N, C-alpha and C. Protein backbone atom coordinates (compact mmCIF):
# COMPACT_ATOMS: atom_id res chain seq x y z
N MET A 1 80.90 -9.68 -72.99
CA MET A 1 79.34 -9.04 -72.63
C MET A 1 79.00 -8.91 -71.57
N LYS A 2 78.14 -7.81 -70.83
CA LYS A 2 77.85 -7.91 -69.68
C LYS A 2 76.40 -8.47 -69.71
N ILE A 3 75.89 -9.28 -68.56
CA ILE A 3 74.79 -9.77 -68.56
C ILE A 3 73.30 -8.57 -68.65
N SER A 4 73.36 -7.16 -68.73
CA SER A 4 72.76 -5.92 -68.56
C SER A 4 72.79 -6.16 -69.99
N GLU A 5 73.56 -6.48 -71.14
CA GLU A 5 73.57 -5.78 -72.55
C GLU A 5 72.75 -7.44 -73.34
N ILE A 6 73.02 -8.51 -72.52
CA ILE A 6 71.93 -9.69 -72.76
C ILE A 6 70.49 -9.51 -72.80
N LYS A 7 70.68 -8.95 -71.45
CA LYS A 7 69.01 -8.62 -70.89
C LYS A 7 68.41 -7.42 -71.96
N GLU A 8 68.62 -6.87 -72.26
CA GLU A 8 68.49 -5.78 -73.55
C GLU A 8 68.58 -6.20 -74.71
N LEU A 9 69.56 -6.86 -75.12
CA LEU A 9 69.09 -7.69 -76.77
C LEU A 9 68.07 -8.32 -76.91
N LEU A 10 67.56 -9.11 -75.63
CA LEU A 10 66.52 -10.47 -75.73
C LEU A 10 65.46 -9.73 -75.21
N LYS A 11 65.06 -8.74 -74.69
CA LYS A 11 64.08 -8.19 -74.13
C LYS A 11 63.64 -8.66 -73.03
N ALA A 12 64.59 -9.13 -72.13
CA ALA A 12 64.18 -9.89 -71.36
C ALA A 12 63.73 -9.17 -69.73
N GLU A 13 63.43 -9.91 -69.03
CA GLU A 13 62.69 -9.21 -67.60
C GLU A 13 63.65 -9.84 -66.84
N VAL A 14 64.69 -9.45 -65.66
CA VAL A 14 64.92 -9.93 -65.16
C VAL A 14 64.28 -10.62 -63.51
N ILE A 15 64.39 -11.77 -63.42
CA ILE A 15 63.67 -12.54 -62.36
C ILE A 15 64.11 -12.44 -60.91
N CYS A 16 65.46 -12.88 -61.18
CA CYS A 16 66.19 -12.38 -60.14
C CYS A 16 67.69 -12.08 -60.57
N GLY A 17 68.74 -11.70 -59.28
CA GLY A 17 70.10 -11.48 -59.65
C GLY A 17 70.51 -10.13 -59.97
N GLU A 18 69.27 -9.23 -59.97
CA GLU A 18 69.34 -7.93 -60.41
C GLU A 18 70.77 -7.28 -60.26
N ASP A 19 71.57 -7.31 -59.30
CA ASP A 19 72.66 -7.00 -58.61
C ASP A 19 73.89 -7.64 -59.13
N LEU A 20 73.67 -8.63 -60.39
CA LEU A 20 74.91 -9.20 -60.80
C LEU A 20 74.61 -9.09 -62.44
N LEU A 21 73.80 -8.37 -62.61
CA LEU A 21 73.89 -7.68 -64.26
C LEU A 21 75.11 -7.09 -64.93
N CYS A 22 76.01 -6.69 -63.92
CA CYS A 22 77.22 -6.19 -64.26
C CYS A 22 78.34 -7.23 -64.50
N HIS A 23 78.19 -8.58 -64.34
CA HIS A 23 78.94 -9.56 -64.63
C HIS A 23 79.58 -9.74 -65.88
N ASP A 24 80.38 -9.70 -66.40
CA ASP A 24 81.35 -10.36 -67.92
C ASP A 24 80.48 -11.46 -68.24
N VAL A 25 80.44 -11.95 -69.36
CA VAL A 25 80.33 -13.60 -69.63
C VAL A 25 80.73 -13.46 -71.45
N TYR A 26 81.39 -14.54 -71.52
CA TYR A 26 82.41 -14.73 -72.79
C TYR A 26 81.43 -15.52 -73.68
N SER A 27 80.41 -16.09 -73.30
CA SER A 27 79.83 -17.19 -73.93
C SER A 27 78.64 -17.90 -73.83
N ALA A 28 77.92 -18.72 -74.60
CA ALA A 28 76.49 -19.22 -74.22
C ALA A 28 76.54 -20.48 -74.77
N CYS A 29 75.24 -21.16 -74.34
CA CYS A 29 74.55 -22.63 -75.27
C CYS A 29 73.36 -22.09 -75.14
N GLY A 30 72.08 -22.72 -75.84
CA GLY A 30 71.15 -23.09 -75.97
C GLY A 30 70.73 -24.44 -76.24
N SER A 31 69.81 -24.94 -74.83
CA SER A 31 69.55 -26.31 -74.96
C SER A 31 68.45 -26.49 -74.01
N ASP A 32 67.57 -27.55 -74.29
CA ASP A 32 66.35 -28.16 -73.65
C ASP A 32 66.69 -29.57 -72.82
N MET A 33 67.89 -29.65 -73.51
CA MET A 33 68.15 -31.29 -72.48
C MET A 33 69.42 -31.15 -71.78
N MET A 34 69.09 -31.25 -70.48
CA MET A 34 70.21 -31.14 -69.72
C MET A 34 71.72 -31.94 -69.70
N SER A 35 71.33 -33.27 -70.41
CA SER A 35 72.30 -34.12 -70.32
C SER A 35 73.33 -33.72 -71.18
N ASP A 36 72.79 -32.81 -72.37
CA ASP A 36 73.67 -32.65 -73.46
C ASP A 36 74.76 -31.29 -72.84
N VAL A 37 73.77 -30.42 -72.05
CA VAL A 37 74.81 -29.00 -71.24
C VAL A 37 75.73 -29.93 -70.23
N LEU A 38 75.49 -31.00 -70.12
CA LEU A 38 76.57 -31.66 -69.10
C LEU A 38 77.50 -32.24 -69.65
N ALA A 39 77.13 -32.86 -70.86
CA ALA A 39 78.10 -33.51 -71.35
C ALA A 39 79.00 -32.84 -72.66
N TYR A 40 78.68 -32.02 -73.02
CA TYR A 40 79.26 -31.07 -74.05
C TYR A 40 79.59 -29.45 -73.54
N VAL A 41 79.10 -29.17 -72.95
CA VAL A 41 79.58 -27.37 -72.56
C VAL A 41 80.32 -27.48 -71.63
N LYS A 42 81.16 -26.71 -72.46
CA LYS A 42 82.34 -26.23 -71.12
C LYS A 42 82.72 -24.73 -71.25
N ASP A 43 82.81 -23.80 -70.39
CA ASP A 43 83.36 -22.72 -70.43
C ASP A 43 81.94 -21.44 -71.00
N GLN A 44 80.93 -21.98 -70.37
CA GLN A 44 79.75 -21.41 -70.99
C GLN A 44 79.71 -20.42 -69.80
N GLY A 45 78.86 -18.92 -70.37
CA GLY A 45 78.46 -18.54 -69.10
C GLY A 45 77.10 -17.99 -68.98
N VAL A 46 76.41 -18.72 -70.11
CA VAL A 46 75.08 -18.24 -70.32
C VAL A 46 74.24 -19.46 -70.71
N LEU A 47 73.14 -19.70 -70.52
CA LEU A 47 72.30 -21.20 -70.76
C LEU A 47 70.85 -20.49 -71.02
N LEU A 48 70.62 -20.84 -72.37
CA LEU A 48 69.43 -20.37 -72.99
C LEU A 48 68.68 -21.75 -73.17
N THR A 49 67.22 -21.97 -73.09
CA THR A 49 66.27 -22.89 -72.46
C THR A 49 64.76 -22.61 -72.20
N GLY A 50 64.31 -23.48 -72.67
CA GLY A 50 63.09 -23.39 -72.47
C GLY A 50 62.06 -24.48 -71.56
N LEU A 51 63.16 -25.43 -70.84
CA LEU A 51 62.83 -26.32 -70.26
C LEU A 51 62.42 -25.70 -68.48
N VAL A 52 61.49 -25.67 -68.02
CA VAL A 52 61.42 -25.01 -66.65
C VAL A 52 61.37 -26.04 -65.35
N ASN A 53 62.57 -26.37 -64.97
CA ASN A 53 62.48 -27.45 -63.62
C ASN A 53 63.57 -26.86 -62.66
N SER A 54 64.04 -27.46 -61.66
CA SER A 54 64.97 -27.18 -60.85
C SER A 54 66.18 -27.60 -61.37
N GLN A 55 66.30 -28.88 -62.11
CA GLN A 55 67.19 -29.13 -62.43
C GLN A 55 68.29 -28.33 -63.70
N VAL A 56 67.54 -27.44 -64.14
CA VAL A 56 68.38 -26.62 -65.11
C VAL A 56 69.20 -25.48 -64.19
N VAL A 57 68.41 -24.97 -63.14
CA VAL A 57 69.69 -24.30 -62.05
C VAL A 57 70.59 -25.05 -61.71
N ARG A 58 70.40 -26.26 -61.18
CA ARG A 58 71.31 -27.32 -60.95
C ARG A 58 72.43 -27.34 -61.82
N THR A 59 71.73 -27.97 -63.26
CA THR A 59 72.99 -27.90 -64.08
C THR A 59 73.59 -26.46 -64.43
N ALA A 60 73.07 -25.55 -64.62
CA ALA A 60 73.79 -24.39 -64.71
C ALA A 60 74.82 -24.18 -63.52
N GLU A 61 74.57 -24.24 -62.29
CA GLU A 61 75.59 -24.35 -61.11
C GLU A 61 76.69 -25.41 -61.17
N MET A 62 76.71 -26.51 -61.65
CA MET A 62 77.37 -27.41 -61.69
C MET A 62 78.20 -26.93 -62.98
N MET A 63 78.10 -26.26 -63.73
CA MET A 63 78.31 -25.81 -64.99
C MET A 63 79.25 -24.77 -65.22
N ASP A 64 78.82 -24.13 -63.64
CA ASP A 64 79.58 -22.58 -63.23
C ASP A 64 79.06 -21.44 -64.21
N MET A 65 77.77 -21.83 -64.61
CA MET A 65 77.10 -20.73 -65.10
C MET A 65 76.57 -19.57 -64.80
N VAL A 66 76.92 -18.42 -64.93
CA VAL A 66 76.21 -17.01 -64.05
C VAL A 66 74.97 -16.59 -64.64
N CYS A 67 74.46 -17.21 -65.62
CA CYS A 67 73.09 -16.69 -66.23
C CYS A 67 71.91 -17.55 -66.94
N ILE A 68 71.06 -17.76 -66.45
CA ILE A 68 69.82 -18.34 -67.20
C ILE A 68 68.85 -17.85 -68.05
N VAL A 69 69.04 -17.84 -69.33
CA VAL A 69 67.91 -17.18 -70.05
C VAL A 69 66.40 -17.99 -70.37
N PHE A 70 65.47 -18.04 -69.93
CA PHE A 70 64.51 -18.63 -70.48
C PHE A 70 63.24 -18.06 -71.45
N VAL A 71 63.47 -19.00 -72.23
CA VAL A 71 62.79 -18.28 -73.79
C VAL A 71 61.48 -18.46 -74.09
N ARG A 72 61.08 -17.98 -75.00
CA ARG A 72 59.53 -17.94 -75.18
C ARG A 72 58.69 -18.00 -73.88
N ASN A 73 58.97 -16.70 -73.29
CA ASN A 73 58.32 -16.52 -72.13
C ASN A 73 58.08 -17.18 -71.37
N LYS A 74 58.96 -18.33 -71.14
CA LYS A 74 58.94 -19.51 -70.12
C LYS A 74 59.28 -18.83 -68.62
N ARG A 75 58.31 -19.30 -67.58
CA ARG A 75 58.79 -18.78 -66.20
C ARG A 75 59.28 -19.86 -65.33
N PRO A 76 60.29 -19.75 -64.74
CA PRO A 76 60.76 -20.30 -63.79
C PRO A 76 59.86 -20.43 -62.06
N THR A 77 59.88 -21.49 -61.64
CA THR A 77 59.08 -21.98 -60.86
C THR A 77 59.56 -20.99 -59.57
N ASP A 78 58.86 -20.73 -58.36
CA ASP A 78 59.36 -19.99 -57.18
C ASP A 78 60.46 -20.82 -56.28
N GLU A 79 60.25 -22.15 -56.63
CA GLU A 79 61.33 -23.07 -56.12
C GLU A 79 62.81 -22.89 -56.87
N MET A 80 62.44 -22.75 -58.37
CA MET A 80 63.98 -22.50 -59.14
C MET A 80 64.22 -21.04 -58.79
N VAL A 81 63.59 -19.63 -58.59
CA VAL A 81 64.29 -18.82 -58.27
C VAL A 81 64.77 -18.83 -57.02
N GLU A 82 64.21 -19.49 -56.13
CA GLU A 82 64.91 -19.17 -54.76
C GLU A 82 66.18 -19.96 -54.62
N LEU A 83 66.12 -20.95 -55.48
CA LEU A 83 67.75 -21.96 -55.73
C LEU A 83 68.60 -21.01 -56.56
N ALA A 84 68.45 -20.26 -57.27
CA ALA A 84 68.95 -19.55 -58.19
C ALA A 84 69.83 -18.03 -57.17
N ARG A 85 68.60 -17.60 -56.52
CA ARG A 85 69.08 -16.82 -55.48
C ARG A 85 69.83 -17.35 -54.67
N GLU A 86 70.43 -18.66 -54.53
CA GLU A 86 71.02 -19.07 -53.54
C GLU A 86 72.50 -19.37 -54.05
N MET A 87 72.48 -19.84 -55.02
CA MET A 87 73.66 -19.93 -55.95
C MET A 87 73.71 -18.76 -56.84
N GLY A 88 73.37 -17.65 -56.61
CA GLY A 88 74.08 -16.68 -57.50
C GLY A 88 73.97 -16.62 -58.74
N ILE A 89 72.70 -17.15 -59.30
CA ILE A 89 72.36 -17.32 -60.72
C ILE A 89 71.34 -16.18 -61.15
N VAL A 90 71.75 -15.51 -62.19
CA VAL A 90 70.81 -14.45 -62.88
C VAL A 90 69.75 -15.18 -63.65
N LEU A 91 68.59 -14.95 -63.44
CA LEU A 91 67.74 -15.98 -63.98
C LEU A 91 67.01 -14.56 -65.10
N LEU A 92 66.72 -14.62 -66.43
CA LEU A 92 66.26 -13.68 -67.00
C LEU A 92 64.85 -14.40 -68.06
N CYS A 93 63.97 -13.71 -68.51
CA CYS A 93 62.78 -14.51 -68.79
C CYS A 93 62.38 -13.54 -70.21
N SER A 94 62.57 -13.94 -71.47
CA SER A 94 62.80 -13.53 -72.83
C SER A 94 61.82 -13.79 -73.53
N PRO A 95 61.13 -13.30 -74.40
CA PRO A 95 59.87 -13.90 -75.18
C PRO A 95 60.51 -14.14 -76.55
N LYS A 96 61.87 -13.92 -76.86
CA LYS A 96 62.66 -14.57 -78.21
C LYS A 96 62.53 -16.17 -78.11
N ARG A 97 62.44 -16.78 -79.44
CA ARG A 97 62.22 -17.75 -79.37
C ARG A 97 63.79 -18.21 -79.18
N MET A 98 64.26 -19.59 -79.02
CA MET A 98 65.81 -20.13 -78.96
C MET A 98 66.80 -19.65 -79.94
N TYR A 99 65.99 -19.96 -81.26
CA TYR A 99 66.95 -19.95 -82.24
C TYR A 99 67.14 -18.28 -82.53
N GLU A 100 66.12 -17.21 -82.20
CA GLU A 100 66.69 -15.88 -82.80
C GLU A 100 67.50 -15.40 -81.43
N ALA A 101 67.25 -15.93 -80.32
CA ALA A 101 67.89 -15.47 -79.09
C ALA A 101 69.40 -15.83 -79.09
N CYS A 102 69.70 -16.93 -79.43
CA CYS A 102 71.07 -17.49 -79.59
C CYS A 102 71.48 -16.52 -80.91
N GLY A 103 70.79 -16.48 -81.90
CA GLY A 103 71.33 -15.55 -83.30
C GLY A 103 71.80 -14.33 -82.57
N LYS A 104 71.05 -13.57 -81.90
CA LYS A 104 70.97 -12.42 -81.43
C LYS A 104 72.24 -12.16 -81.00
N LEU A 105 72.57 -13.18 -79.84
CA LEU A 105 73.72 -12.95 -78.62
C LEU A 105 74.81 -13.31 -79.58
N TYR A 106 74.56 -14.30 -80.59
CA TYR A 106 76.19 -14.61 -81.44
C TYR A 106 76.56 -13.17 -82.39
N MET A 107 75.52 -12.63 -83.15
CA MET A 107 75.84 -11.50 -84.02
C MET A 107 76.28 -10.48 -83.18
N SER A 108 75.86 -10.57 -81.63
CA SER A 108 76.25 -9.21 -81.18
C SER A 108 77.65 -9.33 -80.58
N GLY A 109 78.07 -10.72 -80.60
CA GLY A 109 79.79 -10.69 -80.42
C GLY A 109 79.97 -11.45 -79.40
N LEU A 110 78.72 -12.44 -78.74
CA LEU A 110 79.09 -13.34 -77.60
C LEU A 110 79.39 -14.81 -78.48
N ASN A 111 80.15 -15.12 -78.82
CA ASN A 111 80.57 -16.33 -79.42
C ASN A 111 81.77 -17.17 -78.71
N ARG A 112 81.62 -18.11 -78.80
CA ARG A 112 82.90 -19.28 -78.06
C ARG A 112 84.64 -18.97 -78.60
N SER A 113 84.73 -18.50 -79.50
CA SER A 113 85.79 -18.15 -80.02
C SER A 113 86.29 -16.65 -79.19
N GLY A 114 85.67 -15.67 -79.07
CA GLY A 114 85.99 -14.66 -78.49
C GLY A 114 86.44 -13.69 -79.74
N GLU A 115 86.38 -14.21 -81.02
CA GLU A 115 86.64 -13.36 -82.02
C GLU A 115 85.55 -12.33 -82.46
N ALA A 116 85.75 -11.10 -82.90
CA ALA A 116 84.95 -10.29 -83.27
C ALA A 116 84.12 -10.43 -84.67
N LEU A 117 83.17 -10.20 -84.64
CA LEU A 117 82.26 -10.53 -86.04
C LEU A 117 81.95 -9.64 -87.11
């Protein structure tokens, strides 16, 4: 799935990385606990979170994620936006709640197994 499709599905605003929306991603995870992301997440392209601090961007970069979606209309700080630009990470802001956002992506074919639903 292209990041641009995620943007449309989640009615998200692009905060940074407009030029990277054509990238493909194959899976996602949703968490507000970055320790869980570090401990349990493997091969995820998109991080959905409601947590707004620079550790989110640093965690995504460490895990080779290419996109962060902030749910519940959460807005990243200027520092986070600059950090994401430097790291080549797309930042999106969605009005959806985490549960709904994850469900929409999963039902649209973004799932860990790669199997069609």
